[in-house]
């Protein structure tokens, strides 16, 4: 029996996630899922939730919101959390000054990136994955950090760690352990495996 191929929707306007799916040969639409991420994160933290569960819940919230609007589609929601060396959960920098503070806390130390993806269909979650990576950053002087932020602010302002591992950020690290796509923003390979099972073909 031929599987019914539904429109594929990415519940995100993230350039990194869009590029990953596009490079993999998938045909998809993008619809931004505007949810109150801070409220969900803070509420779950107050309840003692683990970072991987928070990332999973945020990815599900995004996918569910768009799936309820477009029940005829298959919706991918994804989220990424940065867990600092001392267990602090980092948010995206709202200003260059915030970015400098973030980088000062990460410099010379190891942090974790947790990436989650949830796929929803007809307003229900049908598949999910959570993956993590560990990254150890080089030491950076205050002057190095200021110069870096001044040069790259427009590129890193939407990145939770204030770096792009696929671009200029690669030079900031002495050790990277984990999947490259998870670090960029989504555990891509398991997502592609599931979509293949569902009959989605990838263009070369």
N, C-alpha and C. Protein backbone atom coordinates (compact mmCIF):
# COMPACT_ATOMS: atom_id res chain seq x y z
N UNK A 1 0.84 -1.20 0.00
CA UNK A 1 0.00 0.00 0.00
C UNK A 1 0.88 1.25 0.00
N UNK A 2 0.64 2.13 -0.93
CA UNK A 2 1.43 3.35 -1.04
C UNK A 2 1.12 4.29 0.12
N UNK A 3 2.15 4.75 0.86
CA UNK A 3 1.91 5.65 1.97
C UNK A 3 1.40 7.01 1.47
N UNK A 4 0.57 7.63 2.30
CA UNK A 4 0.07 8.98 1.98
C UNK A 4 1.12 9.98 2.42
N UNK A 5 1.65 10.74 1.48
CA UNK A 5 2.69 11.72 1.77
C UNK A 5 2.03 13.06 2.04
N UNK A 6 2.12 13.50 3.27
CA UNK A 6 1.52 14.77 3.65
C UNK A 6 2.52 15.91 3.49
N UNK A 7 2.05 17.15 3.34
CA UNK A 7 2.97 18.28 3.28
C UNK A 7 3.86 18.31 4.52
N UNK A 8 5.14 18.55 4.31
CA UNK A 8 6.09 18.60 5.41
C UNK A 8 6.29 20.06 5.83
N UNK A 9 6.16 20.32 7.13
CA UNK A 9 6.25 21.68 7.66
C UNK A 9 7.28 21.74 8.77
N UNK A 10 8.18 22.71 8.69
CA UNK A 10 9.14 22.98 9.76
C UNK A 10 8.58 24.12 10.60
N UNK A 11 8.35 23.85 11.88
CA UNK A 11 7.77 24.86 12.77
C UNK A 11 8.86 25.77 13.31
N UNK A 12 9.55 26.45 12.40
CA UNK A 12 10.67 27.29 12.80
C UNK A 12 11.10 28.17 11.65
N UNK A 13 11.60 29.34 11.97
CA UNK A 13 12.20 30.22 10.97
C UNK A 13 13.73 30.21 11.10
N UNK A 14 14.25 29.27 11.89
CA UNK A 14 15.69 29.17 12.10
C UNK A 14 16.41 28.91 10.78
N UNK A 15 17.35 29.79 10.44
CA UNK A 15 18.09 29.63 9.19
C UNK A 15 18.91 28.35 9.20
N UNK A 16 19.50 28.01 10.36
CA UNK A 16 20.30 26.80 10.46
C UNK A 16 19.48 25.55 10.22
N UNK A 17 18.31 25.46 10.82
CA UNK A 17 17.47 24.28 10.65
C UNK A 17 16.93 24.19 9.22
N UNK A 18 16.55 25.33 8.66
CA UNK A 18 16.08 25.32 7.28
C UNK A 18 17.17 24.84 6.33
N UNK A 19 18.38 25.31 6.53
CA UNK A 19 19.48 24.93 5.66
C UNK A 19 19.79 23.44 5.78
N UNK A 20 19.72 22.90 7.01
CA UNK A 20 19.96 21.47 7.20
C UNK A 20 18.97 20.63 6.41
N UNK A 21 17.68 20.96 6.53
CA UNK A 21 16.66 20.18 5.83
C UNK A 21 16.77 20.38 4.32
N UNK A 22 17.05 21.61 3.90
CA UNK A 22 17.18 21.88 2.47
C UNK A 22 18.37 21.12 1.87
N UNK A 23 19.48 21.12 2.59
CA UNK A 23 20.67 20.41 2.11
C UNK A 23 20.46 18.90 2.05
N UNK A 24 19.55 18.40 2.87
CA UNK A 24 19.26 16.97 2.87
C UNK A 24 18.36 16.55 1.71
N UNK A 25 17.84 17.54 0.98
CA UNK A 25 17.02 17.23 -0.18
C UNK A 25 15.53 17.17 0.08
N UNK A 26 15.10 17.60 1.24
CA UNK A 26 13.68 17.57 1.56
C UNK A 26 12.96 18.80 1.01
N UNK A 27 11.71 18.61 0.63
CA UNK A 27 10.85 19.71 0.22
C UNK A 27 9.91 20.00 1.38
N UNK A 28 9.91 21.23 1.86
CA UNK A 28 9.12 21.56 3.05
C UNK A 28 8.73 23.03 3.05
N UNK A 29 7.76 23.34 3.91
CA UNK A 29 7.37 24.71 4.15
C UNK A 29 7.85 25.11 5.55
N UNK A 30 7.92 26.39 5.82
CA UNK A 30 8.28 26.85 7.15
C UNK A 30 7.17 27.76 7.69
N UNK A 31 6.81 27.51 8.93
CA UNK A 31 5.82 28.35 9.62
C UNK A 31 6.35 28.58 11.03
N UNK A 32 6.55 29.83 11.39
CA UNK A 32 7.10 30.14 12.71
C UNK A 32 6.09 29.77 13.80
N UNK A 33 6.56 29.09 14.82
CA UNK A 33 5.72 28.74 15.98
C UNK A 33 6.04 29.71 17.11
N UNK A 34 5.19 30.67 17.30
CA UNK A 34 5.45 31.68 18.33
C UNK A 34 4.85 31.21 19.66
N UNK A 35 5.71 30.64 20.49
CA UNK A 35 5.28 30.20 21.82
C UNK A 35 6.09 30.98 22.85
N UNK A 36 5.62 30.98 24.08
CA UNK A 36 6.33 31.68 25.16
C UNK A 36 7.38 30.72 25.73
N UNK A 37 8.53 30.67 25.06
CA UNK A 37 9.56 29.73 25.47
C UNK A 37 10.07 30.00 26.88
N UNK A 38 10.23 31.26 27.22
CA UNK A 38 10.75 31.60 28.55
C UNK A 38 9.81 31.12 29.65
N UNK A 39 8.51 31.29 29.44
CA UNK A 39 7.53 30.87 30.45
C UNK A 39 7.56 29.36 30.63
N UNK A 40 7.64 28.63 29.52
CA UNK A 40 7.69 27.16 29.61
C UNK A 40 8.97 26.72 30.30
N UNK A 41 10.09 27.32 29.90
CA UNK A 41 11.37 26.96 30.47
C UNK A 41 11.41 27.25 31.98
N UNK A 42 10.99 28.45 32.35
CA UNK A 42 11.02 28.83 33.76
C UNK A 42 10.08 27.98 34.60
N UNK A 43 8.90 27.67 34.06
CA UNK A 43 7.94 26.84 34.78
C UNK A 43 8.47 25.45 35.02
N UNK A 44 9.10 24.86 34.01
CA UNK A 44 9.63 23.51 34.15
C UNK A 44 10.86 23.49 35.06
N UNK A 45 11.68 24.53 34.98
CA UNK A 45 12.83 24.61 35.88
C UNK A 45 12.37 24.67 37.33
N UNK A 46 11.32 25.45 37.58
CA UNK A 46 10.80 25.59 38.94
C UNK A 46 10.31 24.25 39.48
N UNK A 47 9.87 23.37 38.56
CA UNK A 47 9.40 22.05 38.96
C UNK A 47 10.53 21.03 39.03
N UNK A 48 11.75 21.47 38.73
CA UNK A 48 12.90 20.57 38.81
C UNK A 48 13.12 19.69 37.60
N UNK A 49 12.53 20.08 36.45
CA UNK A 49 12.67 19.26 35.24
C UNK A 49 14.11 19.25 34.75
N UNK A 50 14.51 18.14 34.15
CA UNK A 50 15.85 18.02 33.58
C UNK A 50 15.91 18.81 32.26
N UNK A 51 17.11 19.32 31.91
CA UNK A 51 17.24 20.08 30.66
C UNK A 51 16.75 19.33 29.43
N UNK A 52 17.02 18.02 29.33
CA UNK A 52 16.58 17.27 28.16
C UNK A 52 15.05 17.22 28.08
N UNK A 53 14.37 17.19 29.24
CA UNK A 53 12.91 17.19 29.23
C UNK A 53 12.36 18.56 28.83
N UNK A 54 13.08 19.62 29.22
CA UNK A 54 12.65 20.97 28.85
C UNK A 54 12.80 21.15 27.34
N UNK A 55 13.92 20.72 26.78
CA UNK A 55 14.14 20.83 25.33
C UNK A 55 13.07 20.05 24.57
N UNK A 56 12.76 18.86 25.06
CA UNK A 56 11.74 18.02 24.43
C UNK A 56 10.37 18.69 24.48
N UNK A 57 10.03 19.28 25.61
CA UNK A 57 8.72 19.93 25.76
C UNK A 57 8.60 21.16 24.87
N UNK A 58 9.70 21.91 24.74
CA UNK A 58 9.67 23.10 23.89
C UNK A 58 9.52 22.70 22.42
N UNK A 59 10.23 21.66 22.01
CA UNK A 59 10.10 21.18 20.63
C UNK A 59 8.68 20.70 20.36
N UNK A 60 8.10 19.99 21.32
CA UNK A 60 6.73 19.51 21.16
C UNK A 60 5.74 20.65 21.10
N UNK A 61 5.92 21.67 21.95
CA UNK A 61 5.00 22.81 21.97
C UNK A 61 4.98 23.51 20.61
N UNK A 62 6.14 23.66 20.00
CA UNK A 62 6.22 24.30 18.69
C UNK A 62 5.50 23.47 17.63
N UNK A 63 5.82 22.17 17.61
CA UNK A 63 5.22 21.29 16.61
C UNK A 63 3.71 21.18 16.78
N UNK A 64 3.25 21.08 18.03
CA UNK A 64 1.81 20.95 18.28
C UNK A 64 1.05 22.19 17.84
N UNK A 65 1.62 23.35 18.11
CA UNK A 65 0.92 24.60 17.75
C UNK A 65 0.68 24.67 16.24
N UNK A 66 1.70 24.35 15.47
CA UNK A 66 1.55 24.41 14.02
C UNK A 66 0.72 23.23 13.50
N UNK A 67 0.85 22.07 14.13
CA UNK A 67 0.07 20.90 13.70
C UNK A 67 -1.43 21.13 13.88
N UNK A 68 -1.79 21.84 14.92
CA UNK A 68 -3.22 22.13 15.13
C UNK A 68 -3.76 23.12 14.10
N UNK A 69 -2.87 23.98 13.60
CA UNK A 69 -3.27 24.91 12.54
C UNK A 69 -3.31 24.23 11.18
N UNK A 70 -2.42 23.26 10.99
CA UNK A 70 -2.30 22.57 9.71
C UNK A 70 -2.36 21.06 9.94
N UNK A 71 -3.52 20.54 10.33
CA UNK A 71 -3.64 19.11 10.67
C UNK A 71 -3.37 18.18 9.49
N UNK A 72 -3.41 18.73 8.27
CA UNK A 72 -3.16 17.90 7.09
C UNK A 72 -1.68 17.67 6.83
N UNK A 73 -0.81 18.32 7.61
CA UNK A 73 0.63 18.21 7.38
C UNK A 73 1.35 17.38 8.43
N UNK A 74 2.61 17.11 8.17
CA UNK A 74 3.51 16.48 9.13
C UNK A 74 4.46 17.59 9.59
N UNK A 75 4.46 17.87 10.88
CA UNK A 75 5.14 19.06 11.38
C UNK A 75 6.34 18.69 12.24
N UNK A 76 7.48 19.31 11.94
CA UNK A 76 8.70 19.11 12.72
C UNK A 76 8.92 20.31 13.64
N UNK A 77 8.99 20.05 14.93
CA UNK A 77 9.34 21.08 15.89
C UNK A 77 10.69 20.74 16.49
N UNK A 78 11.52 21.75 16.74
CA UNK A 78 12.85 21.49 17.28
C UNK A 78 13.23 22.58 18.26
N UNK A 79 14.06 22.21 19.24
CA UNK A 79 14.56 23.19 20.19
C UNK A 79 15.95 22.80 20.64
N UNK A 80 16.67 23.79 21.11
CA UNK A 80 18.03 23.56 21.58
C UNK A 80 18.26 24.33 22.87
N UNK A 81 18.86 23.66 23.85
CA UNK A 81 19.20 24.29 25.12
C UNK A 81 20.71 24.23 25.33
N UNK A 82 21.25 25.29 25.90
CA UNK A 82 22.65 25.29 26.29
C UNK A 82 22.71 25.21 27.80
N UNK A 83 23.39 24.18 28.29
CA UNK A 83 23.59 23.99 29.73
C UNK A 83 25.02 24.38 30.04
N UNK A 84 25.18 25.44 30.82
CA UNK A 84 26.51 25.96 31.11
C UNK A 84 27.33 25.06 32.01
N UNK A 85 28.59 25.42 32.21
CA UNK A 85 29.50 24.61 33.04
C UNK A 85 28.99 24.40 34.46
N UNK A 86 28.20 25.34 34.97
CA UNK A 86 27.68 25.23 36.33
C UNK A 86 26.21 24.81 36.38
N UNK A 87 25.70 24.32 35.25
CA UNK A 87 24.31 23.86 35.20
C UNK A 87 23.30 24.93 34.85
N UNK A 88 23.76 26.14 34.59
CA UNK A 88 22.85 27.24 34.23
C UNK A 88 22.31 27.04 32.82
N UNK A 89 21.01 27.31 32.62
CA UNK A 89 20.43 27.27 31.29
C UNK A 89 20.55 28.65 30.66
N UNK A 90 21.14 28.72 29.49
CA UNK A 90 21.37 29.99 28.83
C UNK A 90 20.25 30.31 27.85
N UNK A 91 19.92 31.59 27.74
CA UNK A 91 18.98 32.07 26.73
C UNK A 91 19.77 32.82 25.66
N UNK A 92 19.13 33.11 24.54
CA UNK A 92 19.78 33.88 23.49
C UNK A 92 20.08 35.29 23.99
N UNK A 93 21.21 35.82 23.59
CA UNK A 93 21.60 37.16 24.01
C UNK A 93 20.67 38.20 23.40
N UNK A 94 20.27 39.16 24.21
CA UNK A 94 19.40 40.23 23.72
C UNK A 94 20.18 41.46 23.31
N UNK A 95 21.46 41.49 23.60
CA UNK A 95 22.30 42.64 23.26
C UNK A 95 23.75 42.18 23.15
N UNK A 96 24.61 42.98 22.53
CA UNK A 96 26.03 42.62 22.49
C UNK A 96 26.61 42.44 23.89
N UNK A 97 26.14 43.22 24.85
CA UNK A 97 26.63 43.10 26.22
C UNK A 97 26.26 41.74 26.80
N UNK A 98 25.05 41.28 26.51
CA UNK A 98 24.64 39.95 26.95
C UNK A 98 25.52 38.87 26.33
N UNK A 99 25.85 39.05 25.06
CA UNK A 99 26.69 38.08 24.36
C UNK A 99 28.08 38.01 24.99
N UNK A 100 28.60 39.16 25.37
CA UNK A 100 29.91 39.18 26.03
C UNK A 100 29.87 38.45 27.36
N UNK A 101 28.78 38.60 28.10
CA UNK A 101 28.64 37.91 29.39
C UNK A 101 28.57 36.40 29.17
N UNK A 102 27.78 35.98 28.17
CA UNK A 102 27.67 34.55 27.85
C UNK A 102 29.03 33.96 27.52
N UNK A 103 29.76 34.59 26.63
CA UNK A 103 31.05 34.06 26.19
C UNK A 103 32.07 34.05 27.33
N UNK A 104 32.00 35.05 28.21
CA UNK A 104 32.91 35.06 29.36
C UNK A 104 32.66 33.88 30.28
N UNK A 105 31.39 33.45 30.40
CA UNK A 105 31.06 32.31 31.25
C UNK A 105 31.46 30.98 30.61
N UNK A 106 31.49 30.94 29.28
CA UNK A 106 31.80 29.70 28.57
C UNK A 106 33.29 29.53 28.28
N UNK A 107 34.01 30.63 28.20
CA UNK A 107 35.42 30.59 27.78
C UNK A 107 36.27 29.72 28.70
N UNK A 108 37.03 28.82 28.08
CA UNK A 108 37.93 27.95 28.83
C UNK A 108 37.25 26.81 29.57
N UNK A 109 35.97 26.60 29.32
CA UNK A 109 35.22 25.59 30.06
C UNK A 109 34.36 24.75 29.11
N UNK A 110 33.75 23.70 29.67
CA UNK A 110 32.93 22.79 28.88
C UNK A 110 31.45 23.01 29.15
N UNK A 111 30.67 23.08 28.07
CA UNK A 111 29.21 23.19 28.22
C UNK A 111 28.53 22.13 27.34
N UNK A 112 27.24 21.97 27.54
CA UNK A 112 26.46 20.99 26.78
C UNK A 112 25.41 21.69 25.94
N UNK A 113 25.19 21.15 24.75
CA UNK A 113 24.06 21.55 23.91
C UNK A 113 23.12 20.37 23.81
N UNK A 114 21.85 20.60 24.11
CA UNK A 114 20.84 19.55 24.03
C UNK A 114 19.88 19.90 22.90
N UNK A 115 19.77 19.02 21.93
CA UNK A 115 18.88 19.25 20.80
C UNK A 115 17.74 18.25 20.81
N UNK A 116 16.53 18.75 20.60
CA UNK A 116 15.35 17.88 20.58
C UNK A 116 14.54 18.14 19.32
N UNK A 117 13.91 17.10 18.82
CA UNK A 117 13.00 17.22 17.68
C UNK A 117 11.76 16.38 17.95
N UNK A 118 10.61 16.94 17.67
CA UNK A 118 9.33 16.23 17.83
C UNK A 118 8.55 16.40 16.54
N UNK A 119 7.97 15.33 16.06
CA UNK A 119 7.14 15.38 14.86
C UNK A 119 5.69 15.14 15.26
N UNK A 120 4.82 16.04 14.79
CA UNK A 120 3.40 15.95 15.12
C UNK A 120 2.57 15.76 13.85
N UNK A 121 1.46 15.09 14.04
CA UNK A 121 0.54 14.81 12.94
C UNK A 121 -0.89 14.88 13.47
N UNK A 122 -1.71 15.71 12.85
CA UNK A 122 -3.10 15.83 13.27
C UNK A 122 -3.25 16.32 14.70
N UNK A 123 -2.32 17.16 15.14
CA UNK A 123 -2.41 17.71 16.49
C UNK A 123 -1.91 16.79 17.58
N UNK A 124 -1.17 15.74 17.21
CA UNK A 124 -0.62 14.82 18.21
C UNK A 124 0.85 14.51 17.88
N UNK A 125 1.65 14.33 18.93
CA UNK A 125 3.04 13.95 18.73
C UNK A 125 3.11 12.48 18.33
N UNK A 126 3.86 12.18 17.25
CA UNK A 126 3.96 10.80 16.78
C UNK A 126 5.40 10.27 16.83
N UNK A 127 6.37 11.17 17.06
CA UNK A 127 7.77 10.75 17.08
C UNK A 127 8.59 11.82 17.77
N UNK A 128 9.69 11.39 18.44
CA UNK A 128 10.55 12.37 19.12
C UNK A 128 11.95 11.82 19.31
N UNK A 129 12.91 12.73 19.46
CA UNK A 129 14.31 12.37 19.70
C UNK A 129 14.96 13.49 20.50
N UNK A 130 15.86 13.12 21.42
CA UNK A 130 16.67 14.09 22.15
C UNK A 130 18.12 13.63 22.07
N UNK A 131 19.01 14.56 21.74
CA UNK A 131 20.43 14.25 21.63
C UNK A 131 21.22 15.35 22.32
N UNK A 132 22.49 15.08 22.65
CA UNK A 132 23.30 16.10 23.31
C UNK A 132 24.73 16.05 22.82
N UNK A 133 25.43 17.16 23.00
CA UNK A 133 26.83 17.27 22.62
C UNK A 133 27.57 18.06 23.68
N UNK A 134 28.88 17.82 23.79
CA UNK A 134 29.72 18.54 24.75
C UNK A 134 30.77 19.33 23.98
N UNK A 135 30.94 20.59 24.38
CA UNK A 135 31.89 21.46 23.70
C UNK A 135 32.78 22.16 24.72
N UNK A 136 34.08 22.15 24.47
CA UNK A 136 35.03 22.83 25.34
C UNK A 136 35.63 24.02 24.59
N UNK A 137 35.40 25.21 25.13
CA UNK A 137 35.82 26.43 24.46
C UNK A 137 37.24 26.84 24.88
N UNK A 138 37.94 27.48 23.97
CA UNK A 138 39.25 28.03 24.27
C UNK A 138 39.12 29.16 25.30
N UNK A 139 40.21 29.44 25.97
CA UNK A 139 40.27 30.63 26.81
C UNK A 139 40.16 31.86 25.91
N UNK A 140 39.45 32.87 26.39
CA UNK A 140 39.32 34.12 25.65
C UNK A 140 39.49 35.29 26.61
N UNK A 141 40.29 36.25 26.23
CA UNK A 141 40.43 37.45 27.06
C UNK A 141 39.21 38.33 26.86
N UNK A 142 39.02 39.27 27.75
CA UNK A 142 37.91 40.22 27.61
C UNK A 142 38.00 40.96 26.29
N UNK A 143 39.22 41.30 25.89
CA UNK A 143 39.40 42.02 24.63
C UNK A 143 39.04 41.13 23.43
N UNK A 144 39.41 39.85 23.51
CA UNK A 144 39.05 38.90 22.45
C UNK A 144 37.54 38.81 22.30
N UNK A 145 36.85 38.72 23.43
CA UNK A 145 35.39 38.57 23.43
C UNK A 145 34.73 39.80 22.84
N UNK A 146 35.16 40.98 23.27
CA UNK A 146 34.58 42.22 22.76
C UNK A 146 34.76 42.33 21.25
N UNK A 147 35.98 42.02 20.77
CA UNK A 147 36.26 42.10 19.34
C UNK A 147 35.41 41.10 18.55
N UNK A 148 35.28 39.89 19.10
CA UNK A 148 34.49 38.85 18.43
C UNK A 148 33.03 39.27 18.32
N UNK A 149 32.46 39.77 19.40
CA UNK A 149 31.05 40.18 19.39
C UNK A 149 30.84 41.35 18.45
N UNK A 150 31.75 42.31 18.45
CA UNK A 150 31.63 43.47 17.55
C UNK A 150 31.62 43.02 16.09
N UNK A 151 32.45 42.04 15.76
CA UNK A 151 32.56 41.59 14.38
C UNK A 151 31.37 40.73 13.93
N UNK A 152 30.86 39.89 14.84
CA UNK A 152 29.88 38.89 14.42
C UNK A 152 28.48 39.04 15.03
N UNK A 153 28.22 40.11 15.73
CA UNK A 153 26.96 40.24 16.46
C UNK A 153 25.73 39.92 15.60
N UNK A 154 25.64 40.46 14.42
CA UNK A 154 24.45 40.25 13.59
C UNK A 154 24.28 38.78 13.20
N UNK A 155 25.38 38.03 13.21
CA UNK A 155 25.30 36.61 12.85
C UNK A 155 25.02 35.72 14.06
N UNK A 156 25.45 36.14 15.24
CA UNK A 156 25.35 35.26 16.42
C UNK A 156 24.19 35.62 17.34
N UNK A 157 23.48 36.69 17.05
CA UNK A 157 22.45 37.16 17.98
C UNK A 157 21.30 36.17 18.13
N UNK A 158 21.13 35.28 17.15
CA UNK A 158 20.06 34.28 17.23
C UNK A 158 20.58 32.91 17.66
N UNK A 159 21.85 32.85 18.08
CA UNK A 159 22.46 31.59 18.50
C UNK A 159 22.59 31.57 20.02
N UNK A 160 22.10 30.52 20.64
CA UNK A 160 22.04 30.49 22.10
C UNK A 160 23.42 30.59 22.76
N UNK A 161 24.45 30.08 22.11
CA UNK A 161 25.79 30.15 22.70
C UNK A 161 26.62 31.31 22.18
N UNK A 162 26.00 32.13 21.31
CA UNK A 162 26.69 33.27 20.70
C UNK A 162 27.85 32.81 19.81
N UNK A 163 27.65 31.70 19.12
CA UNK A 163 28.63 31.24 18.14
C UNK A 163 27.92 30.38 17.11
N UNK A 164 28.49 30.28 15.93
CA UNK A 164 28.00 29.39 14.89
C UNK A 164 29.09 28.35 14.62
N UNK A 165 28.87 27.13 15.06
CA UNK A 165 29.89 26.09 14.93
C UNK A 165 30.19 25.80 13.46
N UNK A 166 29.21 26.07 12.58
CA UNK A 166 29.39 25.81 11.16
C UNK A 166 30.12 26.94 10.45
N UNK A 167 30.45 28.01 11.19
CA UNK A 167 31.11 29.16 10.57
C UNK A 167 32.27 29.62 11.46
N UNK A 168 32.24 30.90 11.84
CA UNK A 168 33.35 31.47 12.62
C UNK A 168 33.52 30.79 13.98
N UNK A 169 32.45 30.23 14.52
CA UNK A 169 32.52 29.61 15.85
C UNK A 169 33.40 28.39 15.93
N UNK A 170 33.69 27.76 14.80
CA UNK A 170 34.53 26.55 14.81
C UNK A 170 35.90 26.82 15.41
N UNK A 171 36.37 28.05 15.28
CA UNK A 171 37.71 28.38 15.77
C UNK A 171 37.74 28.64 17.28
N UNK A 172 36.58 28.64 17.92
CA UNK A 172 36.52 28.96 19.35
C UNK A 172 36.75 27.76 20.25
N UNK A 173 36.81 26.55 19.67
CA UNK A 173 36.79 25.35 20.50
C UNK A 173 38.06 24.51 20.41
N UNK A 174 38.38 23.90 21.54
CA UNK A 174 39.52 22.97 21.58
C UNK A 174 39.04 21.53 21.51
N UNK A 175 37.77 21.28 21.83
CA UNK A 175 37.24 19.92 21.78
C UNK A 175 35.73 19.97 21.56
N UNK A 176 35.27 19.14 20.65
CA UNK A 176 33.85 19.03 20.35
C UNK A 176 33.47 17.56 20.33
N UNK A 177 32.52 17.17 21.16
CA UNK A 177 32.06 15.78 21.24
C UNK A 177 30.56 15.74 20.97
N UNK A 178 30.19 15.10 19.87
CA UNK A 178 28.78 15.00 19.57
C UNK A 178 28.50 15.24 18.10
N UNK A 179 27.25 15.08 17.72
CA UNK A 179 26.82 15.20 16.34
C UNK A 179 26.82 16.66 15.89
N UNK A 180 27.38 16.90 14.72
CA UNK A 180 27.50 18.26 14.21
C UNK A 180 26.14 18.93 14.02
N UNK A 181 25.16 18.19 13.50
CA UNK A 181 23.85 18.77 13.27
C UNK A 181 23.11 19.08 14.57
N UNK A 182 23.32 18.25 15.59
CA UNK A 182 22.73 18.54 16.89
C UNK A 182 23.27 19.87 17.41
N UNK A 183 24.56 20.11 17.19
CA UNK A 183 25.17 21.35 17.64
C UNK A 183 24.62 22.55 16.87
N UNK A 184 24.39 22.37 15.58
CA UNK A 184 23.83 23.47 14.78
C UNK A 184 22.40 23.78 15.19
N UNK A 185 21.63 22.73 15.56
CA UNK A 185 20.27 23.05 15.98
C UNK A 185 19.25 21.94 15.97
N UNK A 186 19.59 20.75 15.42
CA UNK A 186 18.61 19.68 15.39
C UNK A 186 19.29 18.34 15.14
N UNK A 187 18.90 17.27 15.86
CA UNK A 187 19.45 15.94 15.58
C UNK A 187 18.88 15.41 14.26
N UNK A 188 19.52 15.78 13.16
CA UNK A 188 18.95 15.60 11.83
C UNK A 188 18.83 14.15 11.38
N UNK A 189 19.87 13.34 11.59
CA UNK A 189 19.87 11.99 11.02
C UNK A 189 18.68 11.14 11.48
N UNK A 190 18.34 11.12 12.79
CA UNK A 190 17.16 10.36 13.20
C UNK A 190 15.87 10.90 12.59
N UNK A 191 15.79 12.22 12.41
CA UNK A 191 14.61 12.82 11.77
C UNK A 191 14.48 12.30 10.34
N UNK A 192 15.60 12.29 9.61
CA UNK A 192 15.58 11.81 8.23
C UNK A 192 15.21 10.33 8.16
N UNK A 193 15.70 9.54 9.10
CA UNK A 193 15.37 8.11 9.13
C UNK A 193 13.86 7.91 9.28
N UNK A 194 13.25 8.69 10.18
CA UNK A 194 11.80 8.57 10.39
C UNK A 194 11.04 8.99 9.13
N UNK A 195 11.45 10.10 8.53
CA UNK A 195 10.77 10.58 7.34
C UNK A 195 10.89 9.58 6.19
N UNK A 196 12.03 8.90 6.10
CA UNK A 196 12.20 7.87 5.07
C UNK A 196 11.20 6.74 5.29
N UNK A 197 11.02 6.33 6.55
CA UNK A 197 10.04 5.29 6.86
C UNK A 197 8.62 5.72 6.48
N UNK A 198 8.38 7.03 6.57
CA UNK A 198 7.06 7.56 6.21
C UNK A 198 6.89 7.77 4.71
N UNK A 199 7.95 7.48 3.95
CA UNK A 199 7.83 7.56 2.49
C UNK A 199 8.30 8.84 1.85
N UNK A 200 8.92 9.73 2.64
CA UNK A 200 9.41 10.98 2.09
C UNK A 200 10.71 10.74 1.32
N UNK A 201 10.74 11.18 0.09
CA UNK A 201 11.94 11.03 -0.73
C UNK A 201 12.75 12.32 -0.70
N UNK A 202 14.06 12.15 -0.81
CA UNK A 202 14.96 13.30 -0.78
C UNK A 202 15.52 13.54 -2.16
N UNK A 203 15.48 14.80 -2.58
CA UNK A 203 15.98 15.17 -3.90
C UNK A 203 17.49 15.28 -3.86
N UNK A 204 18.14 14.88 -4.93
CA UNK A 204 19.60 14.94 -4.98
C UNK A 204 20.05 16.32 -5.45
